[in-house]
PDB file of all heavy atoms in Angstrom:
ATOM      1  N   LYS A   1       0.847  -1.189   0.000  1.00  0.00           N
ATOM      2  CA  LYS A   1       0.000   0.000   0.000  1.00  0.00           C
ATOM      3  C   LYS A   1       0.885   1.241   0.000  1.00  0.00           C
ATOM      4  O   LYS A   1       1.148   1.808   1.043  1.00  0.00           O
ATOM      5  CB  LYS A   1      -0.907  -0.013   1.220  1.00  0.00           C
ATOM      6  CG  LYS A   1      -1.949  -1.114   1.196  1.00  0.00           C
ATOM      7  CD  LYS A   1      -2.654  -1.244   2.522  1.00  0.00           C
ATOM      8  CE  LYS A   1      -3.600  -0.110   2.755  1.00  0.00           C
ATOM      9  NZ  LYS A   1      -4.431  -0.285   3.945  1.00  0.00           N
ATOM     10  N   PRO A   2       1.337   1.671  -1.171  1.00  0.00           N
ATOM     11  CA  PRO A   2       2.272   2.799  -1.211  1.00  0.00           C
ATOM     12  C   PRO A   2       1.700   4.094  -0.640  1.00  0.00           C
ATOM     13  O   PRO A   2       2.444   4.906  -0.120  1.00  0.00           O
ATOM     14  CB  PRO A   2       2.620   2.936  -2.682  1.00  0.00           C
ATOM     15  CG  PRO A   2       1.593   2.183  -3.419  1.00  0.00           C
ATOM     16  CD  PRO A   2       1.036   1.157  -2.492  1.00  0.00           C
ATOM     17  N   LEU A   3       0.399   4.281  -0.732  1.00  0.00           N
ATOM     18  CA  LEU A   3      -0.203   5.507  -0.188  1.00  0.00           C
ATOM     19  C   LEU A   3      -1.083   5.215   1.025  1.00  0.00           C
ATOM     20  O   LEU A   3      -1.916   6.031   1.396  1.00  0.00           O
ATOM     21  CB  LEU A   3      -1.013   6.218  -1.265  1.00  0.00           C
ATOM     22  CG  LEU A   3      -0.197   6.765  -2.439  1.00  0.00           C
ATOM     23  CD1 LEU A   3      -1.107   7.388  -3.475  1.00  0.00           C
ATOM     24  CD2 LEU A   3       0.829   7.764  -1.969  1.00  0.00           C
ATOM     25  N   GLY A   4      -0.887   4.045   1.626  1.00  0.00           N
ATOM     26  CA  GLY A   4      -1.703   3.653   2.760  1.00  0.00           C
ATOM     27  C   GLY A   4      -1.669   4.630   3.907  1.00  0.00           C
ATOM     28  O   GLY A   4      -2.659   4.801   4.611  1.00  0.00           O
ATOM     29  N   PHE A   5      -0.549   5.304   4.095  1.00  0.00           N
ATOM     30  CA  PHE A   5      -0.424   6.285   5.184  1.00  0.00           C
ATOM     31  C   PHE A   5      -1.426   7.424   5.039  1.00  0.00           C
ATOM     32  O   PHE A   5      -1.781   8.067   6.013  1.00  0.00           O
ATOM     33  CB  PHE A   5       0.999   6.852   5.237  1.00  0.00           C
ATOM     34  CG  PHE A   5       1.353   7.713   4.057  1.00  0.00           C
ATOM     35  CD1 PHE A   5       1.147   9.083   4.094  1.00  0.00           C
ATOM     36  CD2 PHE A   5       1.862   7.144   2.881  1.00  0.00           C
ATOM     37  CE1 PHE A   5       1.461   9.883   3.003  1.00  0.00           C
ATOM     38  CE2 PHE A   5       2.179   7.932   1.797  1.00  0.00           C
ATOM     39  CZ  PHE A   5       1.968   9.307   1.850  1.00  0.00           C
ATOM     40  N   ALA A   6      -1.903   7.671   3.824  1.00  0.00           N
ATOM     41  CA  ALA A   6      -2.812   8.791   3.565  1.00  0.00           C
ATOM     42  C   ALA A   6      -4.260   8.350   3.371  1.00  0.00           C
ATOM     43  O   ALA A   6      -5.110   9.176   3.058  1.00  0.00           O
ATOM     44  CB  ALA A   6      -2.346   9.555   2.332  1.00  0.00           C
ATOM     45  N   SER A   7      -4.556   7.072   3.581  1.00  0.00           N
ATOM     46  CA  SER A   7      -5.876   6.553   3.209  1.00  0.00           C
ATOM     47  C   SER A   7      -7.024   7.253   3.928  1.00  0.00           C
ATOM     48  O   SER A   7      -8.071   7.506   3.320  1.00  0.00           O
ATOM     49  CB  SER A   7      -5.946   5.048   3.425  1.00  0.00           C
ATOM     50  OG  SER A   7      -5.838   4.728   4.784  1.00  0.00           O
ATOM     51  N   GLU A   8      -6.868   7.579   5.186  1.00  0.00           N
ATOM     52  CA  GLU A   8      -7.951   8.247   5.914  1.00  0.00           C
ATOM     53  C   GLU A   8      -8.211   9.653   5.367  1.00  0.00           C
ATOM     54  O   GLU A   8      -9.360  10.093   5.290  1.00  0.00           O
ATOM     55  CB  GLU A   8      -7.640   8.305   7.408  1.00  0.00           C
ATOM     56  CG  GLU A   8      -7.708   6.952   8.078  1.00  0.00           C
ATOM     57  CD  GLU A   8      -9.090   6.316   8.002  1.00  0.00           C
ATOM     58  OE1 GLU A   8     -10.090   7.000   8.302  1.00  0.00           O
ATOM     59  OE2 GLU A   8      -9.165   5.135   7.632  1.00  0.00           O
ATOM     60  N   TYR A   9      -7.152  10.326   4.968  1.00  0.00           N
ATOM     61  CA  TYR A   9      -7.313  11.674   4.420  1.00  0.00           C
ATOM     62  C   TYR A   9      -7.878  11.631   3.003  1.00  0.00           C
ATOM     63  O   TYR A   9      -8.713  12.459   2.630  1.00  0.00           O
ATOM     64  CB  TYR A   9      -5.993  12.438   4.485  1.00  0.00           C
ATOM     65  CG  TYR A   9      -5.582  12.655   5.913  1.00  0.00           C
ATOM     66  CD1 TYR A   9      -4.653  11.825   6.522  1.00  0.00           C
ATOM     67  CD2 TYR A   9      -6.184  13.654   6.673  1.00  0.00           C
ATOM     68  CE1 TYR A   9      -4.319  11.994   7.853  1.00  0.00           C
ATOM     69  CE2 TYR A   9      -5.852  13.829   8.008  1.00  0.00           C
ATOM     70  CZ  TYR A   9      -4.928  13.000   8.596  1.00  0.00           C
ATOM     71  OH  TYR A   9      -4.619  13.160   9.921  1.00  0.00           O
ATOM     72  N   VAL A  10      -7.455  10.656   2.228  1.00  0.00           N
ATOM     73  CA  VAL A  10      -8.014  10.471   0.883  1.00  0.00           C
ATOM     74  C   VAL A  10      -9.500  10.137   0.992  1.00  0.00           C
ATOM     75  O   VAL A  10     -10.320  10.635   0.213  1.00  0.00           O
ATOM     76  CB  VAL A  10      -7.246   9.391   0.098  1.00  0.00           C
ATOM     77  CG1 VAL A  10      -7.951   9.030  -1.199  1.00  0.00           C
ATOM     78  CG2 VAL A  10      -5.825   9.858  -0.179  1.00  0.00           C
ATOM     79  N   TYR A  11      -9.862   9.321   1.971  1.00  0.00           N
ATOM     80  CA  TYR A  11     -11.276   9.014   2.201  1.00  0.00           C
ATOM     81  C   TYR A  11     -12.061  10.297   2.506  1.00  0.00           C
ATOM     82  O   TYR A  11     -13.120  10.533   1.933  1.00  0.00           O
ATOM     83  CB  TYR A  11     -11.449   8.014   3.354  1.00  0.00           C
ATOM     84  CG  TYR A  11     -12.889   7.894   3.777  1.00  0.00           C
ATOM     85  CD1 TYR A  11     -13.795   7.174   3.005  1.00  0.00           C
ATOM     86  CD2 TYR A  11     -13.356   8.536   4.915  1.00  0.00           C
ATOM     87  CE1 TYR A  11     -15.131   7.104   3.362  1.00  0.00           C
ATOM     88  CE2 TYR A  11     -14.684   8.468   5.282  1.00  0.00           C
ATOM     89  CZ  TYR A  11     -15.575   7.754   4.501  1.00  0.00           C
ATOM     90  OH  TYR A  11     -16.898   7.693   4.857  1.00  0.00           O
ATOM     91  N   SER A  12     -11.549  11.130   3.398  1.00  0.00           N
ATOM     92  CA  SER A  12     -12.245  12.371   3.761  1.00  0.00           C
ATOM     93  C   SER A  12     -12.416  13.298   2.561  1.00  0.00           C
ATOM     94  O   SER A  12     -13.477  13.895   2.373  1.00  0.00           O
ATOM     95  CB  SER A  12     -11.490  13.114   4.869  1.00  0.00           C
ATOM     96  OG  SER A  12     -11.601  12.448   6.090  1.00  0.00           O
ATOM     97  N   VAL A  13     -11.381  13.417   1.755  1.00  0.00           N
ATOM     98  CA  VAL A  13     -11.463  14.269   0.568  1.00  0.00           C
ATOM     99  C   VAL A  13     -12.467  13.680  -0.427  1.00  0.00           C
ATOM    100  O   VAL A  13     -13.278  14.411  -1.008  1.00  0.00           O
ATOM    101  CB  VAL A  13     -10.067  14.460  -0.077  1.00  0.00           C
ATOM    102  CG1 VAL A  13     -10.171  15.145  -1.425  1.00  0.00           C
ATOM    103  CG2 VAL A  13      -9.169  15.247   0.868  1.00  0.00           C
ATOM    104  N   SER A  14     -12.445  12.369  -0.601  1.00  0.00           N
ATOM    105  CA  SER A  14     -13.402  11.716  -1.499  1.00  0.00           C
ATOM    106  C   SER A  14     -14.830  11.939  -1.017  1.00  0.00           C
ATOM    107  O   SER A  14     -15.731  12.229  -1.816  1.00  0.00           O
ATOM    108  CB  SER A  14     -13.116  10.217  -1.584  1.00  0.00           C
ATOM    109  OG  SER A  14     -11.847   9.980  -2.113  1.00  0.00           O
ATOM    110  N   ARG A  15     -15.049  11.809   0.289  1.00  0.00           N
ATOM    111  CA  ARG A  15     -16.374  12.059   0.861  1.00  0.00           C
ATOM    112  C   ARG A  15     -16.833  13.487   0.575  1.00  0.00           C
ATOM    113  O   ARG A  15     -17.967  13.726   0.171  1.00  0.00           O
ATOM    114  CB  ARG A  15     -16.333  11.816   2.382  1.00  0.00           C
ATOM    115  CG  ARG A  15     -17.686  11.896   3.052  1.00  0.00           C
ATOM    116  CD  ARG A  15     -17.597  12.389   4.496  1.00  0.00           C
ATOM    117  NE  ARG A  15     -17.219  13.785   4.515  1.00  0.00           N
ATOM    118  CZ  ARG A  15     -16.115  14.279   5.051  1.00  0.00           C
ATOM    119  NH1 ARG A  15     -15.245  13.518   5.637  1.00  0.00           N
ATOM    120  NH2 ARG A  15     -15.871  15.577   5.005  1.00  0.00           N
ATOM    121  N   ALA A  16     -15.922  14.439   0.733  1.00  0.00           N
ATOM    122  CA  ALA A  16     -16.260  15.841   0.500  1.00  0.00           C
ATOM    123  C   ALA A  16     -16.573  16.097  -0.981  1.00  0.00           C
ATOM    124  O   ALA A  16     -17.528  16.812  -1.305  1.00  0.00           O
ATOM    125  CB  ALA A  16     -15.128  16.743   0.971  1.00  0.00           C
ATOM    126  N   VAL A  17     -15.813  15.513  -1.875  1.00  0.00           N
ATOM    127  CA  VAL A  17     -16.037  15.711  -3.316  1.00  0.00           C
ATOM    128  C   VAL A  17     -17.369  15.095  -3.744  1.00  0.00           C
ATOM    129  O   VAL A  17     -18.158  15.719  -4.469  1.00  0.00           O
ATOM    130  CB  VAL A  17     -14.863  15.138  -4.140  1.00  0.00           C
ATOM    131  CG1 VAL A  17     -15.195  15.086  -5.622  1.00  0.00           C
ATOM    132  CG2 VAL A  17     -13.606  15.968  -3.905  1.00  0.00           C
ATOM    133  N   VAL A  18     -17.643  13.876  -3.296  1.00  0.00           N
ATOM    134  CA  VAL A  18     -18.909  13.225  -3.648  1.00  0.00           C
ATOM    135  C   VAL A  18     -20.081  14.020  -3.076  1.00  0.00           C
ATOM    136  O   VAL A  18     -21.094  14.233  -3.755  1.00  0.00           O
ATOM    137  CB  VAL A  18     -18.925  11.756  -3.166  1.00  0.00           C
ATOM    138  CG1 VAL A  18     -20.317  11.145  -3.306  1.00  0.00           C
ATOM    139  CG2 VAL A  18     -17.913  10.937  -3.957  1.00  0.00           C
ATOM    140  N   GLY A  19     -19.961  14.490  -1.849  1.00  0.00           N
ATOM    141  CA  GLY A  19     -21.012  15.320  -1.256  1.00  0.00           C
ATOM    142  C   GLY A  19     -21.241  16.592  -2.055  1.00  0.00           C
ATOM    143  O   GLY A  19     -22.381  16.994  -2.294  1.00  0.00           O
ATOM    144  N   PHE A  20     -20.153  17.225  -2.486  1.00  0.00           N
ATOM    145  CA  PHE A  20     -20.264  18.444  -3.295  1.00  0.00           C
ATOM    146  C   PHE A  20     -20.971  18.169  -4.621  1.00  0.00           C
ATOM    147  O   PHE A  20     -21.836  18.934  -5.044  1.00  0.00           O
ATOM    148  CB  PHE A  20     -18.883  19.046  -3.545  1.00  0.00           C
ATOM    149  CG  PHE A  20     -18.904  20.215  -4.481  1.00  0.00           C
ATOM    150  CD1 PHE A  20     -19.376  21.444  -4.061  1.00  0.00           C
ATOM    151  CD2 PHE A  20     -18.474  20.074  -5.790  1.00  0.00           C
ATOM    152  CE1 PHE A  20     -19.418  22.524  -4.926  1.00  0.00           C
ATOM    153  CE2 PHE A  20     -18.508  21.144  -6.664  1.00  0.00           C
ATOM    154  CZ  PHE A  20     -18.980  22.379  -6.232  1.00  0.00           C
ATOM    155  N   LEU A  21     -20.614  17.076  -5.272  1.00  0.00           N
ATOM    156  CA  LEU A  21     -21.254  16.732  -6.546  1.00  0.00           C
ATOM    157  C   LEU A  21     -22.735  16.440  -6.359  1.00  0.00           C
ATOM    158  O   LEU A  21     -23.566  16.818  -7.192  1.00  0.00           O
ATOM    159  CB  LEU A  21     -20.547  15.545  -7.202  1.00  0.00           C
ATOM    160  CG  LEU A  21     -19.119  15.813  -7.654  1.00  0.00           C
ATOM    161  CD1 LEU A  21     -18.456  14.519  -8.124  1.00  0.00           C
ATOM    162  CD2 LEU A  21     -19.071  16.878  -8.738  1.00  0.00           C
ATOM    163  N   PHE A  22     -23.082  15.787  -5.252  1.00  0.00           N
ATOM    164  CA  PHE A  22     -24.486  15.503  -4.962  1.00  0.00           C
ATOM    165  C   PHE A  22     -25.237  16.801  -4.668  1.00  0.00           C
ATOM    166  O   PHE A  22     -26.369  16.991  -5.120  1.00  0.00           O
ATOM    167  CB  PHE A  22     -24.568  14.540  -3.784  1.00  0.00           C
ATOM    168  CG  PHE A  22     -25.831  13.738  -3.730  1.00  0.00           C
ATOM    169  CD1 PHE A  22     -26.204  12.913  -4.770  1.00  0.00           C
ATOM    170  CD2 PHE A  22     -26.643  13.778  -2.610  1.00  0.00           C
ATOM    171  CE1 PHE A  22     -27.359  12.157  -4.712  1.00  0.00           C
ATOM    172  CE2 PHE A  22     -27.792  13.030  -2.534  1.00  0.00           C
ATOM    173  CZ  PHE A  22     -28.158  12.215  -3.583  1.00  0.00           C
ATOM    174  N   LEU A  23     -24.604  17.685  -3.935  1.00  0.00           N
ATOM    175  CA  LEU A  23     -25.160  19.010  -3.674  1.00  0.00           C
ATOM    176  C   LEU A  23     -25.441  19.736  -4.987  1.00  0.00           C
ATOM    177  O   LEU A  23     -26.480  20.387  -5.139  1.00  0.00           O
ATOM    178  CB  LEU A  23     -24.189  19.813  -2.804  1.00  0.00           C
ATOM    179  CG  LEU A  23     -24.386  21.316  -2.680  1.00  0.00           C
ATOM    180  CD1 LEU A  23     -25.703  21.646  -2.017  1.00  0.00           C
ATOM    181  CD2 LEU A  23     -23.225  21.924  -1.911  1.00  0.00           C
ATOM    182  N   ALA A  24     -24.535  19.618  -5.953  1.00  0.00           N
ATOM    183  CA  ALA A  24     -24.727  20.277  -7.250  1.00  0.00           C
ATOM    184  C   ALA A  24     -25.977  19.764  -7.958  1.00  0.00           C
ATOM    185  O   ALA A  24     -26.701  20.542  -8.602  1.00  0.00           O
ATOM    186  CB  ALA A  24     -23.494  20.080  -8.132  1.00  0.00           C
ATOM    187  N   HIS A  25     -26.274  18.470  -7.820  1.00  0.00           N
ATOM    188  CA  HIS A  25     -27.513  17.934  -8.407  1.00  0.00           C
ATOM    189  C   HIS A  25     -28.728  18.579  -7.749  1.00  0.00           C
ATOM    190  O   HIS A  25     -29.706  18.914  -8.422  1.00  0.00           O
ATOM    191  CB  HIS A  25     -27.580  16.411  -8.243  1.00  0.00           C
ATOM    192  CG  HIS A  25     -26.728  15.671  -9.208  1.00  0.00           C
ATOM    193  ND1 HIS A  25     -27.116  15.407 -10.492  1.00  0.00           N
ATOM    194  CD2 HIS A  25     -25.500  15.137  -9.074  1.00  0.00           C
ATOM    195  CE1 HIS A  25     -26.163  14.737 -11.110  1.00  0.00           C
ATOM    196  NE2 HIS A  25     -25.157  14.572 -10.274  1.00  0.00           N
ATOM    197  N   GLY A  26     -28.665  18.744  -6.438  1.00  0.00           N
ATOM    198  CA  GLY A  26     -29.755  19.405  -5.726  1.00  0.00           C
ATOM    199  C   GLY A  26     -29.912  20.852  -6.135  1.00  0.00           C
ATOM    200  O   GLY A  26     -31.034  21.355  -6.273  1.00  0.00           O
ATOM    201  N   LEU A  27     -28.808  21.552  -6.348  1.00  0.00           N
ATOM    202  CA  LEU A  27     -28.871  22.946  -6.801  1.00  0.00           C
ATOM    203  C   LEU A  27     -29.504  23.050  -8.180  1.00  0.00           C
ATOM    204  O   LEU A  27     -30.287  23.965  -8.442  1.00  0.00           O
ATOM    205  CB  LEU A  27     -27.470  23.564  -6.817  1.00  0.00           C
ATOM    206  CG  LEU A  27     -26.833  23.824  -5.458  1.00  0.00           C
ATOM    207  CD1 LEU A  27     -25.359  24.203  -5.620  1.00  0.00           C
ATOM    208  CD2 LEU A  27     -27.596  24.912  -4.715  1.00  0.00           C
ATOM    209  N   GLN A  28     -29.170  22.103  -9.065  1.00  0.00           N
ATOM    210  CA  GLN A  28     -29.771  22.098 -10.399  1.00  0.00           C
ATOM    211  C   GLN A  28     -31.282  21.970 -10.312  1.00  0.00           C
ATOM    212  O   GLN A  28     -32.011  22.747 -10.931  1.00  0.00           O
ATOM    213  CB  GLN A  28     -29.236  20.934 -11.241  1.00  0.00           C
ATOM    214  CG  GLN A  28     -27.924  21.192 -11.894  1.00  0.00           C
ATOM    215  CD  GLN A  28     -27.575  20.076 -12.868  1.00  0.00           C
ATOM    216  OE1 GLN A  28     -27.794  18.896 -12.598  1.00  0.00           O
ATOM    217  NE2 GLN A  28     -27.031  20.459 -13.993  1.00  0.00           N
ATOM    218  N   LYS A  29     -31.741  20.987  -9.555  1.00  0.00           N
ATOM    219  CA  LYS A  29     -33.181  20.736  -9.468  1.00  0.00           C
ATOM    220  C   LYS A  29     -33.904  21.875  -8.753  1.00  0.00           C
ATOM    221  O   LYS A  29     -34.946  22.335  -9.203  1.00  0.00           O
ATOM    222  CB  LYS A  29     -33.454  19.429  -8.731  1.00  0.00           C
ATOM    223  CG  LYS A  29     -33.120  18.186  -9.506  1.00  0.00           C
ATOM    224  CD  LYS A  29     -33.495  16.953  -8.684  1.00  0.00           C
ATOM    225  CE  LYS A  29     -33.070  15.695  -9.381  1.00  0.00           C
ATOM    226  NZ  LYS A  29     -31.689  15.300  -9.072  1.00  0.00           N
ATOM    227  N   SER A  30     -33.355  22.301  -7.631  1.00  0.00           N
ATOM    228  CA  SER A  30     -34.059  23.257  -6.777  1.00  0.00           C
ATOM    229  C   SER A  30     -34.017  24.689  -7.285  1.00  0.00           C
ATOM    230  O   SER A  30     -34.983  25.435  -7.116  1.00  0.00           O
ATOM    231  CB  SER A  30     -33.470  23.217  -5.365  1.00  0.00           C
ATOM    232  OG  SER A  30     -33.615  21.936  -4.806  1.00  0.00           O
ATOM    233  N   PHE A  31     -32.914  25.086  -7.900  1.00  0.00           N
ATOM    234  CA  PHE A  31     -32.752  26.485  -8.290  1.00  0.00           C
ATOM    235  C   PHE A  31     -32.536  26.707  -9.780  1.00  0.00           C
ATOM    236  O   PHE A  31     -32.402  27.856 -10.222  1.00  0.00           O
ATOM    237  CB  PHE A  31     -31.591  27.118  -7.505  1.00  0.00           C
ATOM    238  CG  PHE A  31     -31.815  27.090  -6.025  1.00  0.00           C
ATOM    239  CD1 PHE A  31     -31.062  26.253  -5.214  1.00  0.00           C
ATOM    240  CD2 PHE A  31     -32.787  27.877  -5.432  1.00  0.00           C
ATOM    241  CE1 PHE A  31     -31.261  26.205  -3.846  1.00  0.00           C
ATOM    242  CE2 PHE A  31     -33.006  27.845  -4.071  1.00  0.00           C
ATOM    243  CZ  PHE A  31     -32.244  27.008  -3.262  1.00  0.00           C
ATOM    244  N   GLY A  32     -32.450  25.636 -10.554  1.00  0.00           N
ATOM    245  CA  GLY A  32     -32.279  25.777 -11.998  1.00  0.00           C
ATOM    246  C   GLY A  32     -30.938  26.368 -12.387  1.00  0.00           C
ATOM    247  O   GLY A  32     -30.837  27.069 -13.394  1.00  0.00           O
ATOM    248  N   VAL A  33     -29.904  26.089 -11.618  1.00  0.00           N
ATOM    249  CA  VAL A  33     -28.564  26.622 -11.900  1.00  0.00           C
ATOM    250  C   VAL A  33     -27.648  25.495 -12.373  1.00  0.00           C
ATOM    251  O   VAL A  33     -28.041  24.338 -12.434  1.00  0.00           O
ATOM    252  CB  VAL A  33     -27.966  27.309 -10.653  1.00  0.00           C
ATOM    253  CG1 VAL A  33     -28.810  28.510 -10.249  1.00  0.00           C
ATOM    254  CG2 VAL A  33     -27.840  26.339  -9.494  1.00  0.00           C
ATOM    255  N   LEU A  34     -26.416  25.837 -12.687  1.00  0.00           N
ATOM    256  CA  LEU A  34     -25.381  24.871 -13.074  1.00  0.00           C
ATOM    257  C   LEU A  34     -25.785  24.051 -14.302  1.00  0.00           C
ATOM    258  O   LEU A  34     -25.619  22.838 -14.345  1.00  0.00           O
ATOM    259  CB  LEU A  34     -25.026  23.949 -11.900  1.00  0.00           C
ATOM    260  CG  LEU A  34     -24.543  24.640 -10.630  1.00  0.00           C
ATOM    261  CD1 LEU A  34     -24.361  23.642  -9.504  1.00  0.00           C
ATOM    262  CD2 LEU A  34     -23.255  25.398 -10.900  1.00  0.00           C
ATOM    263  N   GLY A  35     -26.338  24.736 -15.271  1.00  0.00           N
ATOM    264  CA  GLY A  35     -26.669  24.089 -16.531  1.00  0.00           C
ATOM    265  C   GLY A  35     -28.091  23.571 -16.640  1.00  0.00           C
ATOM    266  O   GLY A  35     -28.464  23.039 -17.675  1.00  0.00           O
ATOM    267  N   ALA A  36     -28.876  23.681 -15.587  1.00  0.00           N
ATOM    268  CA  ALA A  36     -30.270  23.231 -15.652  1.00  0.00           C
ATOM    269  C   ALA A  36     -31.080  24.233 -16.466  1.00  0.00           C
ATOM    270  O   ALA A  36     -30.800  25.432 -16.459  1.00  0.00           O
ATOM    271  CB  ALA A  36     -30.853  23.096 -14.255  1.00  0.00           C
ATOM    272  N   GLU A  37     -32.073  23.731 -17.156  1.00  0.00           N
ATOM    273  CA  GLU A  37     -32.911  24.620 -17.968  1.00  0.00           C
ATOM    274  C   GLU A  37     -33.815  25.475 -17.087  1.00  0.00           C
ATOM    275  O   GLU A  37     -34.047  26.630 -17.369  1.00  0.00           O
ATOM    276  CB  GLU A  37     -33.717  23.795 -18.953  1.00  0.00           C
ATOM    277  CG  GLU A  37     -32.798  22.992 -19.857  1.00  0.00           C
ATOM    278  CD  GLU A  37     -33.371  22.783 -21.227  1.00  0.00           C
ATOM    279  OE1 GLU A  37     -34.476  23.284 -21.506  1.00  0.00           O
ATOM    280  OE2 GLU A  37     -32.694  22.121 -22.012  1.00  0.00           O
ATOM    281  N   GLN A  38     -34.347  24.876 -16.019  1.00  0.00           N
ATOM    282  CA  GLN A  38     -35.179  25.615 -15.076  1.00  0.00           C
ATOM    283  C   GLN A  38     -35.309  24.821 -13.792  1.00  0.00           C
ATOM    284  O   GLN A  38     -35.057  23.622 -13.770  1.00  0.00           O
ATOM    285  CB  GLN A  38     -36.563  25.901 -15.656  1.00  0.00           C
ATOM    286  CG  GLN A  38     -37.399  24.651 -15.893  1.00  0.00           C
ATOM    287  CD  GLN A  38     -38.738  24.983 -16.525  1.00  0.00           C
ATOM    288  OE1 GLN A  38     -38.808  25.874 -17.347  1.00  0.00           O
ATOM    289  NE2 GLN A  38     -39.767  24.287 -16.127  1.00  0.00           N
ATOM    290  N   ALA A  39     -35.709  25.503 -12.733  1.00  0.00           N
ATOM    291  CA  ALA A  39     -35.925  24.825 -11.455  1.00  0.00           C
ATOM    292  C   ALA A  39     -37.241  24.063 -11.511  1.00  0.00           C
ATOM    293  O   ALA A  39     -38.153  24.431 -12.251  1.00  0.00           O
ATOM    294  CB  ALA A  39     -35.962  25.853 -10.327  1.00  0.00           C
TER     295      ALA A  39
END
């Protein structure tokens, strides 16, 4: 595991990125932003 020492931090960053992307889907639907045609 060459990067095993960083696995917990990589997990946290991955969690944050996935959460952000999911949030973006909610913003599209709820507010019609980020490329959505309308809310």
